[in-house]
Amino acid sequence: HETTSEALSYLVWTAAMRDNIVNKANKGKITVKGEKDAASETVGDTAKAWKTMEATLVPDTQAGIMQKQQLSATYSDEWEQIELYPTDMLTGNNAVNPIHQYFTSAYGSDKGLYLMHWLA
């Protein structure tokens, strides 16, 4: 997770720096030497990088989290010895989310799109 978020943060940062340089070149504040004339370039890389980051890091809306107060989950035992793996998936673990009403009131307007799903 750290590597992915760091890489995407760097992508957004470099896109923002490029857009900044192009903006300054277009206003005549700087001259950029190279094969291409920076003043003829366009901006918009920051928006593209941001969309890439959102598409990569923000999960799809998880069906059920916003609609149901009681959900089920699968569980798999963990062991110290590697020989005991793979383990069977245990189903039927039903539970009531005690803070469901707080999630739905806080994140209900966007149907849970930005809900921190690991907390729900």
N, C-alpha and C. Protein backbone atom coordinates (compact mmCIF):
# COMPACT_ATOMS: atom_id res chain seq x y z
N HIS A 1 0.81 -1.19 0.00
CA HIS A 1 0.00 0.00 0.00
C HIS A 1 0.86 1.25 0.00
N GLU A 2 1.90 1.29 0.82
CA GLU A 2 2.75 2.48 0.85
C GLU A 2 3.38 2.75 -0.50
N THR A 3 3.90 1.71 -1.12
CA THR A 3 4.56 1.89 -2.41
C THR A 3 3.58 2.43 -3.44
N THR A 4 2.38 1.91 -3.47
CA THR A 4 1.37 2.37 -4.43
C THR A 4 1.00 3.82 -4.17
N SER A 5 0.73 4.17 -2.92
CA SER A 5 0.33 5.55 -2.63
C SER A 5 1.48 6.52 -2.86
N GLU A 6 2.70 6.10 -2.54
CA GLU A 6 3.85 6.97 -2.80
C GLU A 6 4.04 7.18 -4.29
N ALA A 7 3.91 6.13 -5.07
CA ALA A 7 4.08 6.24 -6.52
C ALA A 7 3.01 7.15 -7.13
N LEU A 8 1.78 7.00 -6.69
CA LEU A 8 0.73 7.84 -7.24
C LEU A 8 0.84 9.27 -6.74
N SER A 9 1.30 9.47 -5.52
CA SER A 9 1.55 10.83 -5.04
C SER A 9 2.63 11.50 -5.89
N TYR A 10 3.66 10.74 -6.23
CA TYR A 10 4.74 11.26 -7.08
C TYR A 10 4.20 11.58 -8.47
N LEU A 11 3.32 10.74 -9.00
CA LEU A 11 2.72 10.99 -10.31
C LEU A 11 1.97 12.31 -10.30
N VAL A 12 1.15 12.54 -9.28
CA VAL A 12 0.39 13.79 -9.19
C VAL A 12 1.33 14.97 -9.02
N TRP A 13 2.35 14.82 -8.20
CA TRP A 13 3.31 15.90 -7.97
C TRP A 13 4.04 16.28 -9.26
N THR A 14 4.54 15.28 -10.00
CA THR A 14 5.27 15.59 -11.24
C THR A 14 4.33 16.22 -12.27
N ALA A 15 3.10 15.77 -12.33
CA ALA A 15 2.14 16.37 -13.26
C ALA A 15 1.86 17.82 -12.88
N ALA A 16 1.73 18.09 -11.59
CA ALA A 16 1.50 19.46 -11.13
C ALA A 16 2.70 20.35 -11.44
N MET A 17 3.90 19.82 -11.25
CA MET A 17 5.11 20.60 -11.57
C MET A 17 5.18 20.90 -13.06
N ARG A 18 4.85 19.91 -13.89
CA ARG A 18 4.87 20.12 -15.34
C ARG A 18 3.84 21.18 -15.73
N ASP A 19 2.62 21.07 -15.19
CA ASP A 19 1.60 22.07 -15.49
C ASP A 19 2.04 23.46 -15.05
N ASN A 20 2.71 23.54 -13.91
CA ASN A 20 3.20 24.82 -13.40
C ASN A 20 4.25 25.42 -14.35
N ILE A 21 5.18 24.60 -14.81
CA ILE A 21 6.21 25.07 -15.74
C ILE A 21 5.58 25.54 -17.04
N VAL A 22 4.64 24.77 -17.56
CA VAL A 22 3.97 25.14 -18.82
C VAL A 22 3.19 26.43 -18.64
N ASN A 23 2.49 26.59 -17.51
CA ASN A 23 1.76 27.83 -17.24
C ASN A 23 2.69 29.03 -17.24
N LYS A 24 3.83 28.90 -16.56
CA LYS A 24 4.79 30.00 -16.51
C LYS A 24 5.37 30.29 -17.88
N ALA A 25 5.64 29.25 -18.66
CA ALA A 25 6.18 29.44 -20.00
C ALA A 25 5.15 30.13 -20.90
N ASN A 26 3.90 29.74 -20.75
CA ASN A 26 2.84 30.36 -21.55
C ASN A 26 2.66 31.83 -21.21
N LYS A 27 2.98 32.22 -20.00
CA LYS A 27 2.87 33.62 -19.58
C LYS A 27 4.16 34.39 -19.83
N GLY A 28 5.16 33.72 -20.36
CA GLY A 28 6.42 34.37 -20.66
C GLY A 28 7.31 34.58 -19.45
N LYS A 29 7.00 33.97 -18.33
CA LYS A 29 7.78 34.16 -17.11
C LYS A 29 9.07 33.35 -17.12
N ILE A 30 9.10 32.25 -17.87
CA ILE A 30 10.32 31.45 -17.97
C ILE A 30 10.53 31.01 -19.41
N THR A 31 11.75 30.69 -19.71
CA THR A 31 12.09 30.14 -21.02
C THR A 31 12.63 28.74 -20.79
N VAL A 32 12.10 27.80 -21.52
CA VAL A 32 12.53 26.42 -21.39
C VAL A 32 13.24 26.03 -22.67
N LYS A 33 14.48 25.57 -22.52
CA LYS A 33 15.25 25.15 -23.69
C LYS A 33 14.99 23.67 -23.95
N GLY A 34 14.96 23.32 -25.19
CA GLY A 34 14.76 21.91 -25.53
C GLY A 34 14.22 21.78 -26.93
N GLU A 35 13.90 20.57 -27.29
CA GLU A 35 13.39 20.32 -28.63
C GLU A 35 12.02 20.93 -28.85
N LYS A 36 11.20 20.94 -27.83
CA LYS A 36 9.85 21.49 -27.95
C LYS A 36 9.80 22.85 -27.27
N ASP A 37 8.99 23.71 -27.80
CA ASP A 37 8.77 25.01 -27.17
C ASP A 37 7.71 24.83 -26.09
N ALA A 38 8.07 25.06 -24.84
CA ALA A 38 7.15 24.84 -23.72
C ALA A 38 5.92 25.74 -23.83
N ALA A 39 6.06 26.90 -24.47
CA ALA A 39 4.93 27.81 -24.60
C ALA A 39 3.83 27.23 -25.49
N SER A 40 4.17 26.26 -26.31
CA SER A 40 3.16 25.66 -27.19
C SER A 40 2.48 24.46 -26.54
N GLU A 41 2.94 24.08 -25.36
CA GLU A 41 2.37 22.93 -24.65
C GLU A 41 1.05 23.33 -23.98
N THR A 42 0.26 22.34 -23.64
CA THR A 42 -0.98 22.59 -22.91
C THR A 42 -0.89 21.98 -21.52
N VAL A 43 -1.76 22.45 -20.64
CA VAL A 43 -1.79 21.92 -19.28
C VAL A 43 -2.94 20.93 -19.16
N GLY A 44 -3.05 20.30 -18.02
CA GLY A 44 -4.12 19.35 -17.78
C GLY A 44 -3.61 18.02 -17.26
N ASP A 45 -2.29 17.90 -17.13
CA ASP A 45 -1.74 16.65 -16.63
C ASP A 45 -2.12 16.39 -15.18
N THR A 46 -2.27 17.45 -14.39
CA THR A 46 -2.63 17.27 -12.98
C THR A 46 -4.00 16.62 -12.88
N ALA A 47 -4.95 17.08 -13.68
CA ALA A 47 -6.29 16.49 -13.66
C ALA A 47 -6.25 15.03 -14.09
N LYS A 48 -5.45 14.72 -15.11
CA LYS A 48 -5.33 13.33 -15.57
C LYS A 48 -4.71 12.46 -14.48
N ALA A 49 -3.66 12.97 -13.84
CA ALA A 49 -2.98 12.21 -12.78
C ALA A 49 -3.92 12.00 -11.60
N TRP A 50 -4.69 13.01 -11.26
CA TRP A 50 -5.63 12.89 -10.14
C TRP A 50 -6.69 11.83 -10.45
N LYS A 51 -7.21 11.83 -11.69
CA LYS A 51 -8.20 10.81 -12.08
C LYS A 51 -7.60 9.42 -12.03
N THR A 52 -6.34 9.30 -12.44
CA THR A 52 -5.66 8.00 -12.38
C THR A 52 -5.55 7.54 -10.94
N MET A 53 -5.18 8.47 -10.05
CA MET A 53 -5.04 8.13 -8.64
C MET A 53 -6.38 7.69 -8.04
N GLU A 54 -7.45 8.44 -8.34
CA GLU A 54 -8.76 8.07 -7.82
C GLU A 54 -9.22 6.71 -8.35
N ALA A 55 -8.98 6.46 -9.63
CA ALA A 55 -9.40 5.18 -10.23
C ALA A 55 -8.63 4.01 -9.62
N THR A 56 -7.39 4.27 -9.21
CA THR A 56 -6.55 3.21 -8.67
C THR A 56 -6.76 2.99 -7.18
N LEU A 57 -6.88 4.06 -6.42
CA LEU A 57 -6.91 3.95 -4.96
C LEU A 57 -8.29 3.91 -4.33
N VAL A 58 -9.27 4.54 -4.96
CA VAL A 58 -10.60 4.59 -4.36
C VAL A 58 -11.38 3.36 -4.82
N PRO A 59 -11.77 2.50 -3.89
CA PRO A 59 -12.48 1.28 -4.29
C PRO A 59 -13.89 1.58 -4.78
N ASP A 60 -14.43 0.66 -5.54
CA ASP A 60 -15.82 0.79 -5.96
C ASP A 60 -16.71 0.73 -4.73
N THR A 61 -17.91 1.27 -4.89
CA THR A 61 -18.87 1.20 -3.79
C THR A 61 -19.16 -0.26 -3.48
N GLN A 62 -19.07 -0.59 -2.23
CA GLN A 62 -19.31 -1.97 -1.82
C GLN A 62 -20.78 -2.16 -1.49
N ALA A 63 -21.43 -2.98 -2.27
CA ALA A 63 -22.86 -3.22 -2.06
C ALA A 63 -23.09 -3.83 -0.68
N GLY A 64 -24.09 -3.32 -0.02
CA GLY A 64 -24.47 -3.89 1.27
C GLY A 64 -24.04 -3.07 2.46
N ILE A 65 -22.91 -2.42 2.38
CA ILE A 65 -22.41 -1.69 3.54
C ILE A 65 -23.36 -0.56 3.92
N MET A 66 -23.85 0.17 2.93
CA MET A 66 -24.73 1.29 3.23
C MET A 66 -26.19 0.84 3.43
N GLN A 67 -26.54 -0.32 2.88
CA GLN A 67 -27.93 -0.74 2.92
C GLN A 67 -28.28 -1.62 4.13
N LYS A 68 -27.34 -2.38 4.61
CA LYS A 68 -27.65 -3.36 5.65
C LYS A 68 -26.86 -3.09 6.93
N GLN A 69 -27.55 -3.22 8.04
CA GLN A 69 -26.86 -3.08 9.32
C GLN A 69 -26.21 -4.39 9.74
N GLN A 70 -26.69 -5.50 9.20
CA GLN A 70 -26.12 -6.80 9.53
C GLN A 70 -25.53 -7.42 8.26
N LEU A 71 -24.26 -7.77 8.31
CA LEU A 71 -23.57 -8.37 7.18
C LEU A 71 -22.86 -9.64 7.63
N SER A 72 -22.53 -10.48 6.67
CA SER A 72 -21.78 -11.68 6.99
C SER A 72 -20.39 -11.58 6.37
N ALA A 73 -19.48 -12.35 6.90
CA ALA A 73 -18.11 -12.33 6.39
C ALA A 73 -17.52 -13.73 6.47
N THR A 74 -16.52 -13.97 5.64
CA THR A 74 -15.81 -15.24 5.73
C THR A 74 -14.58 -15.04 6.61
N TYR A 75 -14.13 -16.13 7.18
CA TYR A 75 -12.99 -16.08 8.09
C TYR A 75 -12.10 -17.28 7.81
N SER A 76 -10.82 -17.09 7.96
CA SER A 76 -9.87 -18.18 7.79
C SER A 76 -8.91 -18.16 8.97
N ASP A 77 -8.71 -19.31 9.58
CA ASP A 77 -7.79 -19.39 10.72
C ASP A 77 -6.36 -19.05 10.30
N GLU A 78 -5.61 -18.52 11.25
CA GLU A 78 -4.20 -18.24 11.03
C GLU A 78 -3.37 -19.14 11.93
N TRP A 79 -2.24 -19.58 11.41
CA TRP A 79 -1.40 -20.53 12.13
C TRP A 79 0.06 -20.08 12.11
N GLU A 80 0.79 -20.51 13.10
CA GLU A 80 2.23 -20.24 13.17
C GLU A 80 3.00 -21.08 12.15
N GLN A 81 2.53 -22.31 11.90
CA GLN A 81 3.24 -23.23 11.02
C GLN A 81 2.68 -23.14 9.60
N ILE A 82 3.56 -22.95 8.66
CA ILE A 82 3.15 -22.83 7.26
C ILE A 82 2.54 -24.11 6.72
N GLU A 83 2.89 -25.24 7.32
CA GLU A 83 2.37 -26.52 6.84
C GLU A 83 0.85 -26.63 7.03
N LEU A 84 0.29 -25.85 7.91
CA LEU A 84 -1.15 -25.91 8.18
C LEU A 84 -1.99 -25.13 7.17
N TYR A 85 -1.32 -24.50 6.21
CA TYR A 85 -2.04 -23.75 5.18
C TYR A 85 -2.17 -24.60 3.93
N PRO A 86 -3.13 -24.39 3.06
CA PRO A 86 -4.21 -23.41 3.17
C PRO A 86 -5.27 -23.87 4.16
N THR A 87 -5.94 -22.92 4.74
CA THR A 87 -7.00 -23.24 5.70
C THR A 87 -8.36 -23.09 5.03
N ASP A 88 -9.35 -23.74 5.59
CA ASP A 88 -10.71 -23.63 5.06
C ASP A 88 -11.29 -22.27 5.41
N MET A 89 -12.13 -21.78 4.51
CA MET A 89 -12.84 -20.54 4.78
C MET A 89 -14.08 -20.87 5.60
N LEU A 90 -14.25 -20.19 6.69
CA LEU A 90 -15.41 -20.40 7.56
C LEU A 90 -16.45 -19.34 7.23
N THR A 91 -17.65 -19.78 6.94
CA THR A 91 -18.72 -18.85 6.60
C THR A 91 -19.73 -18.77 7.73
N GLY A 92 -20.70 -17.91 7.57
CA GLY A 92 -21.76 -17.80 8.57
C GLY A 92 -21.40 -16.91 9.73
N ASN A 93 -20.39 -16.10 9.57
CA ASN A 93 -20.01 -15.16 10.63
C ASN A 93 -20.84 -13.90 10.47
N ASN A 94 -21.99 -13.87 11.10
CA ASN A 94 -22.88 -12.73 11.00
C ASN A 94 -22.68 -11.81 12.19
N ALA A 95 -22.79 -10.54 11.92
CA ALA A 95 -22.62 -9.57 12.99
C ALA A 95 -23.43 -8.32 12.67
N VAL A 96 -23.73 -7.58 13.69
CA VAL A 96 -24.42 -6.30 13.54
C VAL A 96 -23.37 -5.21 13.69
N ASN A 97 -23.37 -4.29 12.76
CA ASN A 97 -22.46 -3.16 12.82
C ASN A 97 -23.04 -2.12 13.78
N PRO A 98 -22.46 -1.94 14.96
CA PRO A 98 -23.05 -1.05 15.95
C PRO A 98 -22.98 0.43 15.57
N ILE A 99 -22.15 0.78 14.63
CA ILE A 99 -22.05 2.20 14.24
C ILE A 99 -22.55 2.43 12.81
N HIS A 100 -23.39 1.52 12.32
CA HIS A 100 -23.95 1.63 10.97
C HIS A 100 -24.66 2.96 10.76
N GLN A 101 -25.46 3.36 11.73
CA GLN A 101 -26.22 4.61 11.58
C GLN A 101 -25.30 5.82 11.45
N TYR A 102 -24.15 5.80 12.11
CA TYR A 102 -23.21 6.92 12.00
C TYR A 102 -22.56 6.95 10.62
N PHE A 103 -22.23 5.76 10.09
CA PHE A 103 -21.67 5.70 8.74
C PHE A 103 -22.66 6.21 7.71
N THR A 104 -23.91 5.75 7.80
CA THR A 104 -24.89 6.15 6.80
C THR A 104 -25.20 7.64 6.87
N SER A 105 -25.17 8.22 8.07
CA SER A 105 -25.42 9.65 8.15
C SER A 105 -24.21 10.46 7.67
N ALA A 106 -23.01 9.96 7.91
CA ALA A 106 -21.81 10.69 7.50
C ALA A 106 -21.49 10.51 6.01
N TYR A 107 -21.71 9.31 5.49
CA TYR A 107 -21.31 9.00 4.11
C TYR A 107 -22.48 8.70 3.19
N GLY A 108 -23.68 8.90 3.64
CA GLY A 108 -24.85 8.53 2.85
C GLY A 108 -25.05 9.35 1.60
N SER A 109 -24.60 10.60 1.58
CA SER A 109 -24.85 11.45 0.42
C SER A 109 -24.12 10.97 -0.83
N ASP A 110 -22.98 10.31 -0.66
CA ASP A 110 -22.27 9.79 -1.84
C ASP A 110 -22.39 8.27 -1.94
N LYS A 111 -23.38 7.72 -1.26
CA LYS A 111 -23.65 6.27 -1.26
C LYS A 111 -22.44 5.45 -0.84
N GLY A 112 -21.59 6.02 0.00
CA GLY A 112 -20.47 5.28 0.54
C GLY A 112 -19.24 5.23 -0.34
N LEU A 113 -19.19 6.05 -1.39
CA LEU A 113 -18.06 5.99 -2.31
C LEU A 113 -16.74 6.21 -1.59
N TYR A 114 -16.69 7.19 -0.69
CA TYR A 114 -15.45 7.48 0.02
C TYR A 114 -15.45 6.92 1.44
N LEU A 115 -16.32 5.99 1.71
CA LEU A 115 -16.38 5.36 3.02
C LEU A 115 -15.12 4.55 3.26
N MET A 116 -14.54 4.70 4.43
CA MET A 116 -13.38 3.89 4.78
C MET A 116 -13.88 2.48 5.02
N HIS A 117 -13.87 1.68 3.98
CA HIS A 117 -14.54 0.38 3.98
C HIS A 117 -13.95 -0.60 4.98
N TRP A 118 -12.72 -0.43 5.39
CA TRP A 118 -12.15 -1.36 6.37
C TRP A 118 -12.71 -1.12 7.76
N LEU A 119 -13.38 0.00 7.97
CA LEU A 119 -14.00 0.28 9.26
C LEU A 119 -15.45 -0.17 9.31
N ALA A 120 -16.08 -0.31 8.16
CA ALA A 120 -17.52 -0.59 8.11
C ALA A 120 -17.82 -2.03 8.45
